[in-house]
Structures are given as C-alpha cells and as structure tokens.
C-alpha cells in the first residue's frame, strides 16, 4: 500500500510541476523526446547541444519506443513554444539550448 501511495504522490508532483513549467500538454512520446534532449544537453558543458531525429533514434536504439520523425519535430516545436528550449544558430539549425 505504501509503494502505491508514494507512486501516486510522485504522479501528482509531476503533474503540478508540468503545469508550472507550461508542459502539462506533453504526451508520453513528448516526454521521451524531452528526456533525450536533456541527456544530450547534460553531455555538453555549455548546455548547448545538437539533436536530430537520427541522433534521437540512435540514442533510443531498438529497445526504446517508436518515435516518428514527425513526432520528434512536433515535440521540439512544442518545447520551443513553451519556452523550454531555444534554437541557436538559425531557424533551420539542429542546435538547441535549455532556457
């Protein structure tokens, strides 16, 4: 009983935080893309990182869920509109930074 109580509390905290950040609309696929973007950013010292659909696909490998190219770019656009990430070096660049 305690494990499920803890899990439900975590879900509630996740929902509240997503709302504060303006990310409550994220689907499960969006959250996976966001996690991979964060992973790419963590590997860089200045927080600027490159991410393409091909790189995402390579990071997920065959064990990860299927994320389509359209879903990837839709998620990136959604995160840009929410102010979570910004594209650097031009509008067609695959370089981003977390805000």
PDB file of N, CA and C in Angstrom:
ATOM      1  N   UNK A   1       0.820  -1.189   0.000  1.00  0.00           N
ATOM      2  CA  UNK A   1       0.000   0.000   0.000  1.00  0.00           C
ATOM      3  C   UNK A   1       0.865   1.255   0.000  1.00  0.00           C
ATOM      4  N   UNK A   2       1.963   1.210   0.737  1.00  0.00           N
ATOM      5  CA  UNK A   2       2.820   2.382   0.825  1.00  0.00           C
ATOM      6  C   UNK A   2       3.479   2.697  -0.520  1.00  0.00           C
ATOM      7  N   UNK A   3       3.875   1.668  -1.279  1.00  0.00           N
ATOM      8  CA  UNK A   3       4.503   1.869  -2.581  1.00  0.00           C
ATOM      9  C   UNK A   3       3.566   2.591  -3.539  1.00  0.00           C
ATOM     10  N   UNK A   4       2.304   2.192  -3.564  1.00  0.00           N
ATOM     11  CA  UNK A   4       1.361   2.838  -4.478  1.00  0.00           C
ATOM     12  C   UNK A   4       1.067   4.267  -4.030  1.00  0.00           C
ATOM     13  N   UNK A   5       1.046   4.505  -2.736  1.00  0.00           N
ATOM     14  CA  UNK A   5       0.848   5.859  -2.216  1.00  0.00           C
ATOM     15  C   UNK A   5       1.992   6.766  -2.652  1.00  0.00           C
ATOM     16  N   UNK A   6       3.208   6.256  -2.559  1.00  0.00           N
ATOM     17  CA  UNK A   6       4.380   7.014  -2.992  1.00  0.00           C
ATOM     18  C   UNK A   6       4.319   7.288  -4.491  1.00  0.00           C
ATOM     19  N   UNK A   7       3.950   6.291  -5.261  1.00  0.00           N
ATOM     20  CA  UNK A   7       3.844   6.432  -6.710  1.00  0.00           C
ATOM     21  C   UNK A   7       2.802   7.484  -7.087  1.00  0.00           C
ATOM     22  N   UNK A   8       1.649   7.445  -6.462  1.00  0.00           N
ATOM     23  CA  UNK A   8       0.587   8.420  -6.743  1.00  0.00           C
ATOM     24  C   UNK A   8       1.047   9.826  -6.351  1.00  0.00           C
ATOM     25  N   UNK A   9       1.774   9.932  -5.255  1.00  0.00           N
ATOM     26  CA  UNK A   9       2.313  11.236  -4.846  1.00  0.00           C
ATOM     27  C   UNK A   9       3.293  11.776  -5.884  1.00  0.00           C
ATOM     28  N   UNK A  10       4.120  10.898  -6.422  1.00  0.00           N
ATOM     29  CA  UNK A  10       5.048  11.303  -7.476  1.00  0.00           C
ATOM     30  C   UNK A  10       4.302  11.769  -8.725  1.00  0.00           C
ATOM     31  N   UNK A  11       3.249  11.047  -9.100  1.00  0.00           N
ATOM     32  CA  UNK A  11       2.448  11.455 -10.263  1.00  0.00           C
ATOM     33  C   UNK A  11       1.837  12.830 -10.058  1.00  0.00           C
ATOM     34  N   UNK A  12       1.333  13.067  -8.859  1.00  0.00           N
ATOM     35  CA  UNK A  12       0.740  14.371  -8.545  1.00  0.00           C
ATOM     36  C   UNK A  12       1.797  15.468  -8.631  1.00  0.00           C
ATOM     37  N   UNK A  13       2.967  15.225  -8.075  1.00  0.00           N
ATOM     38  CA  UNK A  13       4.063  16.188  -8.138  1.00  0.00           C
ATOM     39  C   UNK A  13       4.492  16.444  -9.579  1.00  0.00           C
ATOM     40  N   UNK A  14       4.563  15.399 -10.366  1.00  0.00           N
ATOM     41  CA  UNK A  14       4.914  15.527 -11.781  1.00  0.00           C
ATOM     42  C   UNK A  14       3.900  16.394 -12.517  1.00  0.00           C
ATOM     43  N   UNK A  15       2.623  16.149 -12.284  1.00  0.00           N
ATOM     44  CA  UNK A  15       1.572  16.937 -12.931  1.00  0.00           C
ATOM     45  C   UNK A  15       1.631  18.402 -12.524  1.00  0.00           C
ATOM     46  N   UNK A  16       1.833  18.658 -11.242  1.00  0.00           N
ATOM     47  CA  UNK A  16       1.902  20.035 -10.744  1.00  0.00           C
ATOM     48  C   UNK A  16       3.107  20.777 -11.331  1.00  0.00           C
ATOM     49  N   UNK A  17       4.241  20.099 -11.383  1.00  0.00           N
ATOM     50  CA  UNK A  17       5.454  20.709 -11.929  1.00  0.00           C
ATOM     51  C   UNK A  17       5.312  20.961 -13.424  1.00  0.00           C
ATOM     52  N   UNK A  18       4.724  20.018 -14.138  1.00  0.00           N
ATOM     53  CA  UNK A  18       4.494  20.196 -15.571  1.00  0.00           C
ATOM     54  C   UNK A  18       3.614  21.413 -15.819  1.00  0.00           C
ATOM     55  N   UNK A  19       2.609  21.606 -14.991  1.00  0.00           N
ATOM     56  CA  UNK A  19       1.719  22.766 -15.139  1.00  0.00           C
ATOM     57  C   UNK A  19       2.475  24.066 -14.897  1.00  0.00           C
ATOM     58  N   UNK A  20       3.306  24.103 -13.874  1.00  0.00           N
ATOM     59  CA  UNK A  20       4.099  25.299 -13.568  1.00  0.00           C
ATOM     60  C   UNK A  20       5.028  25.641 -14.727  1.00  0.00           C
ATOM     61  N   UNK A  21       5.601  24.613 -15.344  1.00  0.00           N
ATOM     62  CA  UNK A  21       6.528  24.812 -16.457  1.00  0.00           C
ATOM     63  C   UNK A  21       5.827  25.004 -17.804  1.00  0.00           C
ATOM     64  N   UNK A  22       4.512  24.887 -17.826  1.00  0.00           N
ATOM     65  CA  UNK A  22       3.774  25.009 -19.077  1.00  0.00           C
ATOM     66  C   UNK A  22       3.918  23.790 -19.963  1.00  0.00           C
ATOM     67  N   UNK A  23       4.168  22.642 -19.357  1.00  0.00           N
ATOM     68  CA  UNK A  23       4.404  21.409 -20.115  1.00  0.00           C
ATOM     69  C   UNK A  23       3.345  20.350 -19.841  1.00  0.00           C
ATOM     70  N   UNK A  24       2.201  20.758 -19.333  1.00  0.00           N
ATOM     71  CA  UNK A  24       1.158  19.784 -18.987  1.00  0.00           C
ATOM     72  C   UNK A  24       0.571  19.078 -20.210  1.00  0.00           C
ATOM     73  N   UNK A  25       0.785  19.633 -21.379  1.00  0.00           N
ATOM     74  CA  UNK A  25       0.241  19.058 -22.609  1.00  0.00           C
ATOM     75  C   UNK A  25       1.111  17.924 -23.181  1.00  0.00           C
ATOM     76  N   UNK A  26       2.281  17.674 -22.596  1.00  0.00           N
ATOM     77  CA  UNK A  26       3.187  16.677 -23.157  1.00  0.00           C
ATOM     78  C   UNK A  26       2.599  15.269 -23.093  1.00  0.00           C
ATOM     79  N   UNK A  27       2.718  14.579 -24.212  1.00  0.00           N
ATOM     80  CA  UNK A  27       2.318  13.177 -24.266  1.00  0.00           C
ATOM     81  C   UNK A  27       3.485  12.321 -23.773  1.00  0.00           C
ATOM     82  N   UNK A  28       3.263  11.031 -23.684  1.00  0.00           N
ATOM     83  CA  UNK A  28       4.346  10.125 -23.274  1.00  0.00           C
ATOM     84  C   UNK A  28       5.502  10.186 -24.274  1.00  0.00           C
ATOM     85  N   UNK A  29       5.194  10.245 -25.563  1.00  0.00           N
ATOM     86  CA  UNK A  29       6.242  10.353 -26.584  1.00  0.00           C
ATOM     87  C   UNK A  29       7.001  11.671 -26.429  1.00  0.00           C
ATOM     88  N   UNK A  30       6.277  12.755 -26.129  1.00  0.00           N
ATOM     89  CA  UNK A  30       6.928  14.048 -25.905  1.00  0.00           C
ATOM     90  C   UNK A  30       7.890  13.975 -24.731  1.00  0.00           C
ATOM     91  N   UNK A  31       7.486  13.300 -23.690  1.00  0.00           N
ATOM     92  CA  UNK A  31       8.340  13.181 -22.501  1.00  0.00           C
ATOM     93  C   UNK A  31       9.609  12.390 -22.804  1.00  0.00           C
ATOM     94  N   UNK A  32       9.500  11.394 -23.638  1.00  0.00           N
ATOM     95  CA  UNK A  32      10.673  10.610 -24.032  1.00  0.00           C
ATOM     96  C   UNK A  32      11.638  11.486 -24.818  1.00  0.00           C
ATOM     97  N   UNK A  33      11.101  12.270 -25.767  1.00  0.00           N
ATOM     98  CA  UNK A  33      11.950  13.173 -26.548  1.00  0.00           C
ATOM     99  C   UNK A  33      12.609  14.183 -25.613  1.00  0.00           C
ATOM    100  N   UNK A  34      11.847  14.753 -24.686  1.00  0.00           N
ATOM    101  CA  UNK A  34      12.395  15.716 -23.730  1.00  0.00           C
ATOM    102  C   UNK A  34      13.540  15.088 -22.925  1.00  0.00           C
ATOM    103  N   UNK A  35      13.371  13.858 -22.494  1.00  0.00           N
ATOM    104  CA  UNK A  35      14.426  13.176 -21.738  1.00  0.00           C
ATOM    105  C   UNK A  35      15.691  13.003 -22.577  1.00  0.00           C
ATOM    106  N   UNK A  36      15.541  12.681 -23.848  1.00  0.00           N
ATOM    107  CA  UNK A  36      16.696  12.504 -24.719  1.00  0.00           C
ATOM    108  C   UNK A  36      17.378  13.847 -24.996  1.00  0.00           C
ATOM    109  N   UNK A  37      16.584  14.914 -25.125  1.00  0.00           N
ATOM    110  CA  UNK A  37      17.166  16.248 -25.295  1.00  0.00           C
ATOM    111  C   UNK A  37      17.969  16.625 -24.051  1.00  0.00           C
ATOM    112  N   UNK A  38      17.406  16.341 -22.891  1.00  0.00           N
ATOM    113  CA  UNK A  38      18.107  16.650 -21.633  1.00  0.00           C
ATOM    114  C   UNK A  38      19.398  15.835 -21.526  1.00  0.00           C
ATOM    115  N   UNK A  39      19.345  14.586 -21.913  1.00  0.00           N
ATOM    116  CA  UNK A  39      20.534  13.736 -21.901  1.00  0.00           C
ATOM    117  C   UNK A  39      21.623  14.330 -22.794  1.00  0.00           C
ATOM    118  N   UNK A  40      21.241  14.795 -23.978  1.00  0.00           N
ATOM    119  CA  UNK A  40      22.205  15.407 -24.896  1.00  0.00           C
ATOM    120  C   UNK A  40      22.780  16.686 -24.296  1.00  0.00           C
ATOM    121  N   UNK A  41      21.945  17.477 -23.616  1.00  0.00           N
ATOM    122  CA  UNK A  41      22.413  18.722 -23.001  1.00  0.00           C
ATOM    123  C   UNK A  41      23.362  18.444 -21.842  1.00  0.00           C
ATOM    124  N   UNK A  42      23.097  17.406 -21.076  1.00  0.00           N
ATOM    125  CA  UNK A  42      23.957  17.069 -19.934  1.00  0.00           C
ATOM    126  C   UNK A  42      25.366  16.688 -20.366  1.00  0.00           C
ATOM    127  N   UNK A  43      25.503  16.228 -21.585  1.00  0.00           N
ATOM    128  CA  UNK A  43      26.811  15.795 -22.082  1.00  0.00           C
ATOM    129  C   UNK A  43      27.662  16.969 -22.549  1.00  0.00           C
ATOM    130  N   UNK A  44      27.086  18.160 -22.566  1.00  0.00           N
ATOM    131  CA  UNK A  44      27.793  19.361 -23.008  1.00  0.00           C
ATOM    132  C   UNK A  44      28.003  20.294 -21.830  1.00  0.00           C
ATOM    133  N   UNK A  45      29.121  20.949 -21.792  1.00  0.00           N
ATOM    134  CA  UNK A  45      29.417  21.850 -20.671  1.00  0.00           C
ATOM    135  C   UNK A  45      28.621  23.147 -20.726  1.00  0.00           C
ATOM    136  N   UNK A  46      28.387  23.672 -21.908  1.00  0.00           N
ATOM    137  CA  UNK A  46      27.725  24.979 -22.016  1.00  0.00           C
ATOM    138  C   UNK A  46      26.219  24.863 -22.217  1.00  0.00           C
ATOM    139  N   UNK A  47      25.665  23.663 -22.078  1.00  0.00           N
ATOM    140  CA  UNK A  47      24.231  23.411 -22.192  1.00  0.00           C
ATOM    141  C   UNK A  47      23.716  23.498 -23.622  1.00  0.00           C
ATOM    142  N   UNK A  48      24.526  23.921 -24.580  1.00  0.00           N
ATOM    143  CA  UNK A  48      24.121  23.933 -25.984  1.00  0.00           C
ATOM    144  C   UNK A  48      24.371  22.537 -26.546  1.00  0.00           C
ATOM    145  N   UNK A  49      23.412  22.035 -27.293  1.00  0.00           N
ATOM    146  CA  UNK A  49      23.539  20.670 -27.787  1.00  0.00           C
ATOM    147  C   UNK A  49      22.898  20.539 -29.160  1.00  0.00           C
ATOM    148  N   UNK A  50      23.329  19.517 -29.874  1.00  0.00           N
ATOM    149  CA  UNK A  50      22.758  19.187 -31.185  1.00  0.00           C
ATOM    150  C   UNK A  50      21.861  17.974 -31.023  1.00  0.00           C
ATOM    151  N   UNK A  51      20.726  18.017 -31.683  1.00  0.00           N
ATOM    152  CA  UNK A  51      19.836  16.855 -31.665  1.00  0.00           C
ATOM    153  C   UNK A  51      19.073  16.812 -32.981  1.00  0.00           C
ATOM    154  N   UNK A  52      19.223  15.716 -33.652  1.00  0.00           N
ATOM    155  CA  UNK A  52      18.460  15.460 -34.874  1.00  0.00           C
ATOM    156  C   UNK A  52      17.619  14.215 -34.637  1.00  0.00           C
ATOM    157  N   UNK A  53      16.712  13.960 -35.552  1.00  0.00           N
ATOM    158  CA  UNK A  53      15.906  12.749 -35.425  1.00  0.00           C
ATOM    159  C   UNK A  53      16.795  11.509 -35.449  1.00  0.00           C
ATOM    160  N   UNK A  54      17.812  11.528 -36.304  1.00  0.00           N
ATOM    161  CA  UNK A  54      18.709  10.368 -36.402  1.00  0.00           C
ATOM    162  C   UNK A  54      19.448  10.134 -35.093  1.00  0.00           C
ATOM    163  N   UNK A  55      19.902  11.219 -34.453  1.00  0.00           N
ATOM    164  CA  UNK A  55      20.599  11.078 -33.177  1.00  0.00           C
ATOM    165  C   UNK A  55      19.643  10.543 -32.104  1.00  0.00           C
ATOM    166  N   UNK A  56      18.395  11.035 -32.110  1.00  0.00           N
ATOM    167  CA  UNK A  56      17.396  10.530 -31.171  1.00  0.00           C
ATOM    168  C   UNK A  56      17.187   9.042 -31.375  1.00  0.00           C
ATOM    169  N   UNK A  57      17.031   8.653 -32.626  1.00  0.00           N
ATOM    170  CA  UNK A  57      16.823   7.245 -32.965  1.00  0.00           C
ATOM    171  C   UNK A  57      17.992   6.394 -32.472  1.00  0.00           C
ATOM    172  N   UNK A  58      19.220   6.899 -32.648  1.00  0.00           N
ATOM    173  CA  UNK A  58      20.403   6.171 -32.182  1.00  0.00           C
ATOM    174  C   UNK A  58      20.442   6.072 -30.660  1.00  0.00           C
ATOM    175  N   UNK A  59      20.042   7.146 -29.965  1.00  0.00           N
ATOM    176  CA  UNK A  59      20.036   7.127 -28.501  1.00  0.00           C
ATOM    177  C   UNK A  59      19.013   6.134 -27.957  1.00  0.00           C
ATOM    178  N   UNK A  60      17.852   6.083 -28.597  1.00  0.00           N
ATOM    179  CA  UNK A  60      16.802   5.181 -28.140  1.00  0.00           C
ATOM    180  C   UNK A  60      17.126   3.728 -28.468  1.00  0.00           C
ATOM    181  N   UNK A  61      17.751   3.522 -29.620  1.00  0.00           N
ATOM    182  CA  UNK A  61      18.069   2.168 -30.047  1.00  0.00           C
ATOM    183  C   UNK A  61      16.805   1.372 -30.313  1.00  0.00           C
ATOM    184  N   UNK A  62      16.930   0.084 -30.379  1.00  0.00           N
ATOM    185  CA  UNK A  62      15.788  -0.765 -30.684  1.00  0.00           C
ATOM    186  C   UNK A  62      14.949  -1.094 -29.462  1.00  0.00           C
ATOM    187  N   UNK A  63      15.491  -0.845 -28.285  1.00  0.00           N
ATOM    188  CA  UNK A  63      14.737  -1.169 -27.070  1.00  0.00           C
ATOM    189  C   UNK A  63      13.748  -0.077 -26.703  1.00  0.00           C
ATOM    190  N   UNK A  64      13.959   1.126 -27.231  1.00  0.00           N
ATOM    191  CA  UNK A  64      13.077   2.230 -26.902  1.00  0.00           C
ATOM    192  C   UNK A  64      11.798   2.202 -27.711  1.00  0.00           C
ATOM    193  N   UNK A  65      10.845   3.023 -27.301  1.00  0.00           N
ATOM    194  CA  UNK A  65       9.586   3.096 -28.042  1.00  0.00           C
ATOM    195  C   UNK A  65       9.800   3.772 -29.394  1.00  0.00           C
ATOM    196  N   UNK A  66       8.890   3.530 -30.272  1.00  0.00           N
ATOM    197  CA  UNK A  66       8.976   4.098 -31.612  1.00  0.00           C
ATOM    198  C   UNK A  66       8.516   5.555 -31.590  1.00  0.00           C
ATOM    199  N   UNK A  67       9.401   6.453 -31.978  1.00  0.00           N
ATOM    200  CA  UNK A  67       9.087   7.877 -32.099  1.00  0.00           C
ATOM    201  C   UNK A  67       9.268   8.221 -33.577  1.00  0.00           C
ATOM    202  N   UNK A  68       8.222   8.713 -34.194  1.00  0.00           N
ATOM    203  CA  UNK A  68       8.311   9.058 -35.610  1.00  0.00           C
ATOM    204  C   UNK A  68       9.056  10.376 -35.794  1.00  0.00           C
ATOM    205  N   UNK A  69       9.539  10.604 -36.991  1.00  0.00           N
ATOM    206  CA  UNK A  69      10.210  11.859 -37.323  1.00  0.00           C
ATOM    207  C   UNK A  69       9.259  13.036 -37.088  1.00  0.00           C
ATOM    208  N   UNK A  70       8.015  12.884 -37.510  1.00  0.00           N
ATOM    209  CA  UNK A  70       7.024  13.955 -37.322  1.00  0.00           C
ATOM    210  C   UNK A  70       6.812  14.237 -35.837  1.00  0.00           C
ATOM    211  N   UNK A  71       6.742  13.182 -35.023  1.00  0.00           N
ATOM    212  CA  UNK A  71       6.558  13.363 -33.573  1.00  0.00           C
ATOM    213  C   UNK A  71       7.753  14.091 -32.976  1.00  0.00           C
ATOM    214  N   UNK A  72       8.950  13.741 -33.399  1.00  0.00           N
ATOM    215  CA  UNK A  72      10.151  14.396 -32.884  1.00  0.00           C
ATOM    216  C   UNK A  72      10.094  15.896 -33.145  1.00  0.00           C
ATOM    217  N   UNK A  73       9.835  16.290 -34.395  1.00  0.00           N
ATOM    218  CA  UNK A  73       9.832  17.711 -34.728  1.00  0.00           C
ATOM    219  C   UNK A  73       8.644  18.446 -34.115  1.00  0.00           C
ATOM    220  N   UNK A  74       7.522  17.775 -33.949  1.00  0.00           N
ATOM    221  CA  UNK A  74       6.369  18.365 -33.270  1.00  0.00           C
ATOM    222  C   UNK A  74       6.707  18.647 -31.808  1.00  0.00           C
ATOM    223  N   UNK A  75       7.380  17.716 -31.173  1.00  0.00           N
ATOM    224  CA  UNK A  75       7.776  17.894 -29.777  1.00  0.00           C
ATOM    225  C   UNK A  75       8.761  19.035 -29.636  1.00  0.00           C
ATOM    226  N   UNK A  76       9.759  19.098 -30.509  1.00  0.00           N
ATOM    227  CA  UNK A  76      10.748  20.174 -30.455  1.00  0.00           C
ATOM    228  C   UNK A  76      10.047  21.530 -30.611  1.00  0.00           C
ATOM    229  N   UNK A  77       9.135  21.621 -31.553  1.00  0.00           N
ATOM    230  CA  UNK A  77       8.398  22.870 -31.760  1.00  0.00           C
ATOM    231  C   UNK A  77       7.568  23.220 -30.523  1.00  0.00           C
ATOM    232  N   UNK A  78       6.929  22.241 -29.941  1.00  0.00           N
ATOM    233  CA  UNK A  78       6.124  22.455 -28.742  1.00  0.00           C
ATOM    234  C   UNK A  78       6.982  22.951 -27.576  1.00  0.00           C
ATOM    235  N   UNK A  79       8.162  22.382 -27.410  1.00  0.00           N
ATOM    236  CA  UNK A  79       9.067  22.811 -26.346  1.00  0.00           C
ATOM    237  C   UNK A  79       9.604  24.217 -26.600  1.00  0.00           C
ATOM    238  N   UNK A  80       9.817  24.555 -27.871  1.00  0.00           N
ATOM    239  CA  UNK A  80      10.237  25.914 -28.213  1.00  0.00           C
ATOM    240  C   UNK A  80       9.122  26.911 -27.880  1.00  0.00           C
ATOM    241  N   UNK A  81       7.896  26.565 -28.248  1.00  0.00           N
ATOM    242  CA  UNK A  81       6.760  27.449 -27.987  1.00  0.00           C
ATOM    243  C   UNK A  81       6.511  27.627 -26.492  1.00  0.00           C
ATOM    244  N   UNK A  82       6.795  26.597 -25.700  1.00  0.00           N
ATOM    245  CA  UNK A  82       6.624  26.672 -24.248  1.00  0.00           C
ATOM    246  C   UNK A  82       7.772  27.438 -23.584  1.00  0.00           C
ATOM    247  N   UNK A  83       8.824  27.741 -24.352  1.00  0.00           N
ATOM    248  CA  UNK A  83       9.965  28.465 -23.806  1.00  0.00           C
ATOM    249  C   UNK A  83      10.950  27.580 -23.063  1.00  0.00           C
ATOM    250  N   UNK A  84      10.821  26.268 -23.218  1.00  0.00           N
ATOM    251  CA  UNK A  84      11.720  25.340 -22.524  1.00  0.00           C
ATOM    252  C   UNK A  84      13.076  25.236 -23.203  1.00  0.00           C
ATOM    253  N   UNK A  85      13.077  25.289 -24.544  1.00  0.00           N
ATOM    254  CA  UNK A  85      14.319  25.246 -25.309  1.00  0.00           C
ATOM    255  C   UNK A  85      14.300  26.364 -26.336  1.00  0.00           C
ATOM    256  N   UNK A  86      15.476  26.720 -26.795  1.00  0.00           N
ATOM    257  CA  UNK A  86      15.616  27.701 -27.880  1.00  0.00           C
ATOM    258  C   UNK A  86      16.577  27.136 -28.907  1.00  0.00           C
ATOM    259  N   UNK A  87      16.286  27.441 -30.138  1.00  0.00           N
ATOM    260  CA  UNK A  87      17.163  27.031 -31.233  1.00  0.00           C
ATOM    261  C   UNK A  87      18.246  28.095 -31.370  1.00  0.00           C
ATOM    262  N   UNK A  88      19.483  27.662 -31.536  1.00  0.00           N
ATOM    263  CA  UNK A  88      20.576  28.610 -31.733  1.00  0.00           C
ATOM    264  C   UNK A  88      21.171  28.402 -33.121  1.00  0.00           C
ATOM    265  N   UNK A  89      21.809  29.394 -33.610  1.00  0.00           N
ATOM    266  CA  UNK A  89      22.445  29.365 -34.929  1.00  0.00           C
ATOM    267  C   UNK A  89      21.433  29.237 -36.063  1.00  0.00           C
ATOM    268  N   UNK A  90      20.275  29.869 -35.944  1.00  0.00           N
ATOM    269  CA  UNK A  90      19.327  29.922 -37.050  1.00  0.00           C
ATOM    270  C   UNK A  90      18.132  29.009 -36.907  1.00  0.00           C
ATOM    271  N   UNK A  91      17.101  29.325 -37.674  1.00  0.00           N
ATOM    272  CA  UNK A  91      15.832  28.617 -37.566  1.00  0.00           C
ATOM    273  C   UNK A  91      15.872  27.197 -38.121  1.00  0.00           C
ATOM    274  N   UNK A  92      16.846  26.870 -38.940  1.00  0.00           N
ATOM    275  CA  UNK A  92      16.937  25.526 -39.506  1.00  0.00           C
ATOM    276  C   UNK A  92      18.040  24.704 -38.834  1.00  0.00           C
ATOM    277  N   UNK A  93      18.617  25.269 -37.800  1.00  0.00           N
ATOM    278  CA  UNK A  93      19.693  24.596 -37.086  1.00  0.00           C
ATOM    279  C   UNK A  93      19.150  23.487 -36.198  1.00  0.00           C
ATOM    280  N   UNK A  94      19.952  22.489 -35.954  1.00  0.00           N
ATOM    281  CA  UNK A  94      19.589  21.409 -35.038  1.00  0.00           C
ATOM    282  C   UNK A  94      20.311  21.597 -33.706  1.00  0.00           C
ATOM    283  N   UNK A  95      20.708  22.836 -33.425  1.00  0.00           N
ATOM    284  CA  UNK A  95      21.384  23.133 -32.174  1.00  0.00           C
ATOM    285  C   UNK A  95      20.422  23.881 -31.259  1.00  0.00           C
ATOM    286  N   UNK A  96      20.383  23.436 -30.006  1.00  0.00           N
ATOM    287  CA  UNK A  96      19.424  23.969 -29.038  1.00  0.00           C
ATOM    288  C   UNK A  96      20.113  24.263 -27.717  1.00  0.00           C
ATOM    289  N   UNK A  97      19.381  24.980 -26.868  1.00  0.00           N
ATOM    290  CA  UNK A  97      19.819  25.232 -25.516  1.00  0.00           C
ATOM    291  C   UNK A  97      18.569  25.244 -24.640  1.00  0.00           C
ATOM    292  N   UNK A  98      18.687  24.690 -23.438  1.00  0.00           N
ATOM    293  CA  UNK A  98      17.574  24.760 -22.487  1.00  0.00           C
ATOM    294  C   UNK A  98      17.567  26.147 -21.875  1.00  0.00           C
ATOM    295  N   UNK A  99      16.379  26.703 -21.718  1.00  0.00           N
ATOM    296  CA  UNK A  99      16.258  28.045 -21.135  1.00  0.00           C
ATOM    297  C   UNK A  99      16.142  27.980 -19.634  1.00  0.00           C
TER     298      UNK A  99
END
